[in-house]
C-alpha atoms as a PDB file:
ATOM      1  CA  MET A   1     107.585-155.664   6.204  1.00  0.00           C
ATOM      2  CA  GLY A   2     104.401-155.248   8.677  1.00  0.00           C
ATOM      3  CA  LEU A   3     100.515-155.042   7.413  1.00  0.00           C
ATOM      4  CA  PHE A   4     100.440-151.397   9.310  1.00  0.00           C
ATOM      5  CA  ASP A   5     103.849-150.376   7.708  1.00  0.00           C
ATOM      6  CA  ARG A   6     101.924-151.605   4.009  1.00  0.00           C
ATOM      7  CA  ILE A   7      98.666-149.683   5.014  1.00  0.00           C
ATOM      8  CA  SER A   8     100.552-146.623   5.776  1.00  0.00           C
ATOM      9  CA  ARG A   9     102.277-146.943   2.185  1.00  0.00           C
ATOM     10  CA  VAL A  10      98.961-147.185   0.672  1.00  0.00           C
ATOM     11  CA  VAL A  11      97.604-144.360   2.506  1.00  0.00           C
ATOM     12  CA  ARG A  12     100.426-142.066   2.044  1.00  0.00           C
ATOM     13  CA  ALA A  13     100.336-143.120  -1.833  1.00  0.00           C
ATOM     14  CA  ASN A  14      96.313-142.659  -1.907  1.00  0.00           C
ATOM     15  CA  LEU A  15      96.818-139.044  -0.444  1.00  0.00           C
ATOM     16  CA  ASN A  16      99.874-137.932  -2.767  1.00  0.00           C
ATOM     17  CA  ASP A  17      97.713-138.886  -5.584  1.00  0.00           C
ATOM     18  CA  VAL A  18      94.850-136.785  -4.317  1.00  0.00           C
ATOM     19  CA  VAL A  19      97.217-133.450  -3.805  1.00  0.00           C
ATOM     20  CA  SER A  20      98.801-133.947  -6.909  1.00  0.00           C
ATOM     21  CA  LYS A  21      95.510-134.305  -8.929  1.00  0.00           C
ATOM     22  CA  ALA A  22      94.038-131.310  -6.696  1.00  0.00           C
ATOM     23  CA  GLU A  23      97.330-129.071  -7.487  1.00  0.00           C
ATOM     24  CA  ASP A  24      96.263-126.381  -9.599  1.00  0.00           C
ATOM     25  CA  PRO A  25      99.623-124.564 -11.057  1.00  0.00           C
ATOM     26  CA  GLU A  26      97.971-121.713 -11.395  1.00  0.00           C
ATOM     27  CA  LYS A  27      96.935-121.438  -7.532  1.00  0.00           C
ATOM     28  CA  ILE A  28      99.835-122.675  -6.535  1.00  0.00           C
ATOM     29  CA  LEU A  29     102.468-120.101  -7.940  1.00  0.00           C
ATOM     30  CA  GLU A  30     100.009-117.561  -6.426  1.00  0.00           C
ATOM     31  CA  GLN A  31     100.154-118.984  -3.181  1.00  0.00           C
ATOM     32  CA  SER A  32     104.029-119.668  -3.754  1.00  0.00           C
ATOM     33  CA  ILE A  33     104.193-116.029  -4.422  1.00  0.00           C
ATOM     34  CA  ILE A  34     101.930-114.737  -0.972  1.00  0.00           C
ATOM     35  CA  ASP A  35     103.829-117.362   1.271  1.00  0.00           C
ATOM     36  CA  MET A  36     107.329-115.778  -0.269  1.00  0.00           C
ATOM     37  CA  GLN A  37     106.004-112.316   0.541  1.00  0.00           C
ATOM     38  CA  GLU A  38     105.050-113.318   4.101  1.00  0.00           C
ATOM     39  CA  ASP A  39     108.592-114.634   4.545  1.00  0.00           C
ATOM     40  CA  LEU A  40     109.705-111.096   3.162  1.00  0.00           C
ATOM     41  CA  VAL A  41     108.037-109.339   5.840  1.00  0.00           C
ATOM     42  CA  GLN A  42     109.509-111.463   8.706  1.00  0.00           C
ATOM     43  CA  LEU A  43     112.901-110.840   7.233  1.00  0.00           C
ATOM     44  CA  ARG A  44     112.582-107.455   7.090  1.00  0.00           C
ATOM     45  CA  GLN A  45     110.775-107.256  10.638  1.00  0.00           C
ATOM     46  CA  ALA A  46     113.736-109.781  11.784  1.00  0.00           C
ATOM     47  CA  VAL A  47     116.289-107.011  10.162  1.00  0.00           C
ATOM     48  CA  ALA A  48     114.434-104.291  11.828  1.00  0.00           C
ATOM     49  CA  ARG A  49     114.789-105.893  14.842  1.00  0.00           C
ATOM     50  CA  SER A  50     118.355-106.955  14.758  1.00  0.00           C
ATOM     51  CA  ILE A  51     119.063-103.291  13.544  1.00  0.00           C
ATOM     52  CA  ALA A  52     117.465-101.952  16.683  1.00  0.00           C
ATOM     53  CA  SER A  53     119.301-104.756  18.939  1.00  0.00           C
ATOM     54  CA  GLN A  54     122.499-103.269  17.273  1.00  0.00           C
ATOM     55  CA  LYS A  55     121.876 -99.726  18.108  1.00  0.00           C
ATOM     56  CA  ARG A  56     121.065-100.385  21.419  1.00  0.00           C
ATOM     57  CA  THR A  57     124.292-102.195  21.586  1.00  0.00           C
ATOM     58  CA  GLN A  58     126.466 -99.483  20.077  1.00  0.00           C
ATOM     59  CA  GLN A  59     124.195 -96.862  22.818  1.00  0.00           C
ATOM     60  CA  GLN A  60     125.409 -99.016  25.780  1.00  0.00           C
ATOM     61  CA  TYR A  61     128.912 -99.584  24.409  1.00  0.00           C
ATOM     62  CA  ASN A  62     129.696 -95.880  23.475  1.00  0.00           C
ATOM     63  CA  GLN A  63     128.221 -95.075  26.972  1.00  0.00           C
ATOM     64  CA  ASN A  64     130.216 -97.257  28.486  1.00  0.00           C
ATOM     65  CA  GLN A  65     133.496 -96.702  26.765  1.00  0.00           C
ATOM     66  CA  THR A  66     132.377 -92.626  27.857  1.00  0.00           C
ATOM     67  CA  GLU A  67     132.470 -93.792  31.176  1.00  0.00           C
ATOM     68  CA  ALA A  68     135.570 -95.558  31.321  1.00  0.00           C
ATOM     69  CA  ASN A  69     137.558 -92.647  29.922  1.00  0.00           C
ATOM     70  CA  ASN A  70     135.778 -90.405  32.573  1.00  0.00           C
ATOM     71  CA  TRP A  71     137.191 -92.489  35.544  1.00  0.00           C
ATOM     72  CA  GLN A  72     140.225 -92.577  34.058  1.00  0.00           C
ATOM     73  CA  GLN A  73     140.186 -88.598  33.707  1.00  0.00           C
ATOM     74  CA  ARG A  74     139.081 -88.449  37.644  1.00  0.00           C
ATOM     75  CA  ALA A  75     141.451 -91.339  38.619  1.00  0.00           C
ATOM     76  CA  GLN A  76     144.168 -88.618  37.476  1.00  0.00           C
ATOM     77  CA  LEU A  77     142.598 -86.001  38.716  1.00  0.00           C
ATOM     78  CA  ALA A  78     142.403 -87.591  42.262  1.00  0.00           C
ATOM     79  CA  LEU A  79     146.582 -88.571  41.838  1.00  0.00           C
ATOM     80  CA  GLN A  80     146.996 -84.788  41.100  1.00  0.00           C
ATOM     81  CA  LYS A  81     145.212 -83.758  44.334  1.00  0.00           C
ATOM     82  CA  GLY A  82     147.467 -86.080  46.410  1.00  0.00           C
ATOM     83  CA  ASP A  83     144.398 -88.407  46.825  1.00  0.00           C
ATOM     84  CA  GLU A  84     145.047 -92.089  46.025  1.00  0.00           C
ATOM     85  CA  HIS A  85     142.200 -93.435  47.590  1.00  0.00           C
ATOM     86  CA  LEU A  86     139.808 -91.637  45.444  1.00  0.00           C
ATOM     87  CA  ALA A  87     142.007 -92.332  42.661  1.00  0.00           C
ATOM     88  CA  LYS A  88     142.300 -96.108  43.352  1.00  0.00           C
ATOM     89  CA  GLU A  89     138.178 -96.023  43.426  1.00  0.00           C
ATOM     90  CA  ALA A  90     138.157 -94.196  40.282  1.00  0.00           C
ATOM     91  CA  LEU A  91     140.210 -96.510  38.249  1.00  0.00           C
ATOM     92  CA  ILE A  92     137.845 -99.655  39.651  1.00  0.00           C
ATOM     93  CA  ARG A  93     134.953 -98.001  38.435  1.00  0.00           C
ATOM     94  CA  LYS A  94     136.833 -97.076  35.327  1.00  0.00           C
ATOM     95  CA  LYS A  95     137.897-101.109  34.954  1.00  0.00           C
ATOM     96  CA  SER A  96     134.321-102.296  35.319  1.00  0.00           C
ATOM     97  CA  ASN A  97     132.923 -99.848  32.618  1.00  0.00           C
ATOM     98  CA  ALA A  98     135.957-100.923  30.349  1.00  0.00           C
ATOM     99  CA  ASP A  99     135.134-104.385  30.543  1.00  0.00           C
ATOM    100  CA  THR A 100     131.667-103.424  29.877  1.00  0.00           C
ATOM    101  CA  ALA A 101     132.747-101.699  26.848  1.00  0.00           C
ATOM    102  CA  ALA A 102     134.902-104.440  25.874  1.00  0.00           C
ATOM    103  CA  THR A 103     131.748-106.891  26.300  1.00  0.00           C
ATOM    104  CA  LEU A 104     129.264-105.009  24.549  1.00  0.00           C
ATOM    105  CA  LYS A 105     132.179-104.419  21.699  1.00  0.00           C
ATOM    106  CA  ALA A 106     132.290-108.173  20.746  1.00  0.00           C
ATOM    107  CA  SER A 107     128.649-108.838  21.160  1.00  0.00           C
ATOM    108  CA  LEU A 108     128.162-105.361  18.709  1.00  0.00           C
ATOM    109  CA  ASP A 109     130.402-107.014  16.442  1.00  0.00           C
ATOM    110  CA  GLN A 110     128.429-110.041  15.890  1.00  0.00           C
ATOM    111  CA  GLN A 111     125.241-108.070  15.822  1.00  0.00           C
ATOM    112  CA  THR A 112     126.614-105.889  13.111  1.00  0.00           C
ATOM    113  CA  THR A 113     127.936-109.078  11.256  1.00  0.00           C
ATOM    114  CA  GLN A 114     124.329-110.892  11.698  1.00  0.00           C
ATOM    115  CA  VAL A 115     122.568-107.752  10.493  1.00  0.00           C
ATOM    116  CA  ASP A 116     124.639-107.465   7.317  1.00  0.00           C
ATOM    117  CA  THR A 117     123.723-111.010   6.559  1.00  0.00           C
ATOM    118  CA  LEU A 118     120.119-110.432   7.204  1.00  0.00           C
ATOM    119  CA  LYS A 119     120.729-107.574   5.157  1.00  0.00           C
ATOM    120  CA  ARG A 120     122.239-109.683   1.944  1.00  0.00           C
ATOM    121  CA  ASN A 121     119.509-112.402   2.654  1.00  0.00           C
ATOM    122  CA  LEU A 122     116.752-109.620   2.106  1.00  0.00           C
ATOM    123  CA  ILE A 123     117.870-107.926  -0.880  1.00  0.00           C
ATOM    124  CA  ALA A 124     118.668-112.018  -2.400  1.00  0.00           C
ATOM    125  CA  LEU A 125     114.955-112.790  -1.196  1.00  0.00           C
ATOM    126  CA  GLU A 126     113.735-109.739  -2.826  1.00  0.00           C
ATOM    127  CA  SER A 127     115.384-110.465  -6.046  1.00  0.00           C
ATOM    128  CA  LYS A 128     113.817-113.754  -6.236  1.00  0.00           C
ATOM    129  CA  ILE A 129     110.090-112.651  -5.008  1.00  0.00           C
ATOM    130  CA  SER A 130     110.707-110.386  -8.300  1.00  0.00           C
ATOM    131  CA  GLU A 131     112.055-112.979 -10.710  1.00  0.00           C
ATOM    132  CA  ALA A 132     109.538-115.536  -9.046  1.00  0.00           C
ATOM    133  CA  LYS A 133     106.849-112.934 -10.125  1.00  0.00           C
ATOM    134  CA  THR A 134     107.888-112.835 -13.912  1.00  0.00           C
ATOM    135  CA  LYS A 135     108.381-116.692 -13.759  1.00  0.00           C
ATOM    136  CA  LYS A 136     104.619-116.682 -12.333  1.00  0.00           C
ATOM    137  CA  ASP A 137     103.264-114.618 -15.301  1.00  0.00           C
ATOM    138  CA  MET A 138     105.168-116.819 -17.696  1.00  0.00           C
ATOM    139  CA  LEU A 139     104.041-120.087 -16.164  1.00  0.00           C
ATOM    140  CA  LYS A 140     100.615-118.874 -15.601  1.00  0.00           C
ATOM    141  CA  ALA A 141     100.252-118.251 -19.179  1.00  0.00           C
ATOM    142  CA  ARG A 142     101.911-121.566 -20.215  1.00  0.00           C
ATOM    143  CA  ALA A 143      99.509-123.449 -17.512  1.00  0.00           C
ATOM    144  CA  GLN A 144      96.724-121.668 -19.472  1.00  0.00           C
ATOM    145  CA  ALA A 145      97.681-122.438 -23.225  1.00  0.00           C
ATOM    146  CA  ALA A 146      98.647-126.055 -21.996  1.00  0.00           C
ATOM    147  CA  LYS A 147      94.550-126.252 -20.561  1.00  0.00           C
ATOM    148  CA  ALA A 148      93.496-124.584 -23.804  1.00  0.00           C
ATOM    149  CA  GLN A 149      95.236-127.244 -26.018  1.00  0.00           C
ATOM    150  CA  GLU A 150      94.180-130.251 -23.684  1.00  0.00           C
ATOM    151  CA  GLN A 151      90.560-129.022 -23.790  1.00  0.00           C
ATOM    152  CA  LEU A 152      91.068-128.722 -27.854  1.00  0.00           C
ATOM    153  CA  GLN A 153      92.515-132.166 -28.460  1.00  0.00           C
ATOM    154  CA  GLY A 154      89.834-133.442 -26.190  1.00  0.00           C
ATOM    155  CA  ALA A 155      87.069-131.833 -27.858  1.00  0.00           C
ATOM    156  CA  VAL A 156      88.852-133.129 -31.046  1.00  0.00           C
ATOM    157  CA  GLY A 157      88.647-136.508 -29.989  1.00  0.00           C
ATOM    158  CA  ARG A 158      85.226-136.338 -29.148  1.00  0.00           C
ATOM    159  CA  LEU A 159      83.823-135.843 -32.434  1.00  0.00           C
ATOM    160  CA  ASN A 160      82.853-138.733 -34.813  1.00  0.00           C
ATOM    161  CA  THR A 161      85.607-138.306 -37.439  1.00  0.00           C
ATOM    162  CA  SER A 162      84.715-140.875 -39.875  1.00  0.00           C
ATOM    163  CA  ASN A 163      80.967-139.753 -39.793  1.00  0.00           C
ATOM    164  CA  ALA A 164      82.087-136.082 -40.358  1.00  0.00           C
ATOM    165  CA  MET A 165      84.503-137.106 -43.478  1.00  0.00           C
ATOM    166  CA  GLY A 166      81.661-139.292 -44.483  1.00  0.00           C
ATOM    167  CA  ALA A 167      78.933-136.368 -44.620  1.00  0.00           C
ATOM    168  CA  PHE A 168      81.618-133.831 -45.927  1.00  0.00           C
ATOM    169  CA  GLU A 169      82.447-136.510 -48.710  1.00  0.00           C
ATOM    170  CA  ARG A 170      78.848-136.993 -49.229  1.00  0.00           C
ATOM    171  CA  MET A 171      78.176-133.004 -49.552  1.00  0.00           C
ATOM    172  CA  GLU A 172      80.824-132.693 -51.955  1.00  0.00           C
ATOM    173  CA  GLU A 173      79.498-135.312 -54.498  1.00  0.00           C
ATOM    174  CA  LYS A 174      75.972-133.381 -54.572  1.00  0.00           C
ATOM    175  CA  VAL A 175      77.809-130.101 -55.031  1.00  0.00           C
ATOM    176  CA  LEU A 176      79.509-131.608 -58.389  1.00  0.00           C
ATOM    177  CA  GLU A 177      76.256-133.435 -59.411  1.00  0.00           C
ATOM    178  CA  LEU A 178      74.332-130.113 -58.817  1.00  0.00           C
ATOM    179  CA  GLU A 179      77.367-128.624 -60.831  1.00  0.00           C
ATOM    180  CA  ALA A 180      77.032-130.997 -63.747  1.00  0.00           C
ATOM    181  CA  ARG A 181      73.615-130.829 -64.095  1.00  0.00           C
ATOM    182  CA  SER A 182      73.550-126.704 -64.203  1.00  0.00           C
ATOM    183  CA  THR A 183      75.969-127.185 -66.996  1.00  0.00           C
ATOM    184  CA  ALA A 184      73.922-129.728 -69.001  1.00  0.00           C
ATOM    185  CA  VAL A 185      70.810-127.569 -68.778  1.00  0.00           C
ATOM    186  CA  GLY A 186      73.116-124.471 -69.963  1.00  0.00           C
ATOM    187  CA  GLU A 187      74.020-126.705 -73.142  1.00  0.00           C
ATOM    188  CA  LEU A 188      70.860-127.735 -73.683  1.00  0.00           C
ATOM    189  CA  VAL A 189      69.744-124.003 -74.031  1.00  0.00           C
ATOM    190  CA  GLY A 190      72.165-123.234 -76.417  1.00  0.00           C
ATOM    191  CA  ASN A 191      71.546-126.276 -78.452  1.00  0.00           C
ATOM    192  CA  ASP A 192      67.713-125.213 -78.236  1.00  0.00           C
ATOM    193  CA  LEU A 193      68.948-121.636 -79.517  1.00  0.00           C
ATOM    194  CA  ASP A 194      71.196-122.862 -81.899  1.00  0.00           C
ATOM    195  CA  GLN A 195      68.500-124.701 -83.588  1.00  0.00           C
ATOM    196  CA  GLN A 196      66.081-121.942 -83.121  1.00  0.00           C
ATOM    197  CA  PHE A 197      68.361-119.237 -85.107  1.00  0.00           C
ATOM    198  CA  ALA A 198      69.266-122.259 -87.736  1.00  0.00           C
ATOM    199  CA  MET A 199      65.651-122.626 -88.513  1.00  0.00           C
ATOM    200  CA  LEU A 200      65.105-118.843 -88.819  1.00  0.00           C
ATOM    201  CA  GLU A 201      67.882-118.592 -90.815  1.00  0.00           C
ATOM    202  CA  SER A 202      66.869-121.477 -93.250  1.00  0.00           C
ATOM    203  CA  GLY A 203      63.125-120.002 -93.427  1.00  0.00           C
ATOM    204  CA  ASN A 204      64.298-117.409 -94.747  1.00  0.00           C
ATOM    205  CA  ASP A 205      65.694-118.949 -97.673  1.00  0.00           C
ATOM    206  CA  VAL A 206      62.668-120.693 -98.151  1.00  0.00           C
ATOM    207  CA  ASP A 207      60.699-117.682 -98.039  1.00  0.00           C
ATOM    208  CA  ASP A 208      62.858-116.044-100.566  1.00  0.00           C
ATOM    209  CA  GLU A 209      62.327-119.361-102.771  1.00  0.00           C
ATOM    210  CA  LEU A 210      58.536-119.016-102.003  1.00  0.00           C
ATOM    211  CA  ALA A 211      58.497-114.989-103.128  1.00  0.00           C
ATOM    212  CA  ALA A 212      60.427-115.804-106.361  1.00  0.00           C
ATOM    213  CA  MET A 213      58.153-118.713-107.397  1.00  0.00           C
ATOM    214  CA  LYS A 214      55.102-116.344-106.493  1.00  0.00           C
ATOM    215  CA  ALA A 215      56.899-113.096-108.774  1.00  0.00           C
ATOM    216  CA  GLN A 216      57.129-115.769-111.449  1.00  0.00           C
ATOM    217  CA  LEU A 217      53.360-116.893-110.998  1.00  0.00           C
ATOM    218  CA  ALA A 218      52.296-113.260-110.790  1.00  0.00           C
ATOM    219  CA  GLY A 219      54.282-112.565-113.959  1.00  0.00           C
ATOM    220  CA  SER A 220      52.961-115.553-116.271  1.00  0.00           C
ATOM    221  CA  SER A 221      49.309-114.082-115.050  1.00  0.00           C
ATOM    222  CA  THR A 222      50.074-110.915-116.585  1.00  0.00           C
ATOM    223  CA  THR A 223      51.231-112.306-119.846  1.00  0.00           C
ATOM    224  CA  GLN A 224      48.461-114.255-120.268  1.00  0.00           C
ATOM    225  CA  ALA A 225      45.965-111.493-119.264  1.00  0.00           C
ATOM    226  CA  GLN A 226      47.477-109.348-122.143  1.00  0.00           C
ATOM    227  CA  LEU A 227      46.828-111.642-125.419  1.00  0.00           C
ATOM    228  CA  PRO A 228      43.854-111.153-127.499  1.00  0.00           C
ATOM    229  CA  ALA A 229      40.934-113.074-126.321  1.00  0.00           C
ATOM    230  CA  GLY A 230      40.021-114.017-129.800  1.00  0.00           C
ATOM    231  CA  ASN A 231      43.725-115.432-131.027  1.00  0.00           C
ATOM    232  CA  PRO A 232      44.785-117.827-128.594  1.00  0.00           C
ATOM    233  CA  THR A 233      48.167-119.153-128.861  1.00  0.00           C
ATOM    234  CA  THR A 234      47.130-122.990-129.248  1.00  0.00           C
ATOM    235  CA  SER A 235      44.974-122.087-132.100  1.00  0.00           C
ATOM    236  CA  SER A 236      47.617-119.952-134.327  1.00  0.00           C
ATOM    237  CA  THR A 237      49.946-122.562-134.216  1.00  0.00           C
ATOM    238  CA  PRO A 238      48.127-124.824-136.696  1.00  0.00           C
ATOM    239  CA  LYS A 239      47.486-122.129-138.904  1.00  0.00           C
ATOM    240  CA  SER A 240      51.357-121.396-139.118  1.00  0.00           C
ATOM    241  CA  ASN A 241      51.880-124.976-139.809  1.00  0.00           C
ATOM    242  CA  SER A 242      49.628-125.662-142.597  1.00  0.00           C
ATOM    243  CA  ALA A 243      51.144-122.591-144.053  1.00  0.00           C
ATOM    244  CA  VAL A 244      54.253-124.348-144.221  1.00  0.00           C
ATOM    245  CA  ASP A 245      52.632-127.547-145.571  1.00  0.00           C
ATOM    246  CA  ASN A 246      51.250-125.625-148.317  1.00  0.00           C
ATOM    247  CA  GLU A 247      54.535-123.505-149.496  1.00  0.00           C
ATOM    248  CA  LEU A 248      56.237-127.226-149.387  1.00  0.00           C
ATOM    249  CA  GLU A 249      53.822-128.638-151.835  1.00  0.00           C
ATOM    250  CA  ASP A 250      54.146-125.706-153.948  1.00  0.00           C
ATOM    251  CA  LEU A 251      57.711-126.367-154.246  1.00  0.00           C
ATOM    252  CA  LYS A 252      57.293-129.911-154.775  1.00  0.00           C
ATOM    253  CA  LYS A 253      55.265-129.241-158.116  1.00  0.00           C
ATOM    254  CA  GLN A 254      57.723-127.118-159.420  1.00  0.00           C
ATOM    255  CA  LEU A 255      60.243-129.550-159.238  1.00  0.00           C
ATOM    256  CA  ASP A 256      58.473-132.406-160.702  1.00  0.00           C
ATOM    257  CA  ASN A 257      57.859-129.464-163.893  1.00  0.00           C
ATOM    258  CA  LEU A 258      61.249-129.042-164.475  1.00  0.00           C
END
């Protein structure tokens, strides 16, 4: 392989790569539709020209055919009048027009076939363009979705997932810690309230007992206040005891006398 062939292949490969990278599907699709519509316009013009040419050929054929018929009638008229020379000239003119008409008829048949073919091609191209427009819209939508997906994947790829997940987990731990602290504070507040109510309830019992003791003391003080001042309780007891002793002595004496 020669050096120039290798250089040519490298250049073509690089150009193809540049062109492939520069091709935007949406733009290429739009341009393809524009190109097809331009082809459709040209085909329509070609069909119009062919139809016009066919009509001209048809007119020429009809004209020569009519002339041939006219010269045929003139030749017959000349023979009827006994002028063979004039009849012969008329037949020569008739043959010329008839030959021209035959040539035009062959050309007309060819043009008719060509026009029919062009019309079918025109209808087919219009159908293809309509179908291409529908596909273009779908392909553009798919291309846009693919670009959006590619951009999304690129954005996700650029994210530092490990750091983000680590931060997310740390924040989750902080939330759990805050919830635990809130629960603990609630429990402490509840215990304090229970203790306070228990103290209030026990305090009522103590207050009741204290009130009872106060009532007892108040009652004792009232009884002592009602006793006579000259006859204290402590002084009456020895007297009662002395009387008993004297009575006991008298009983003993009576027993001795018996």
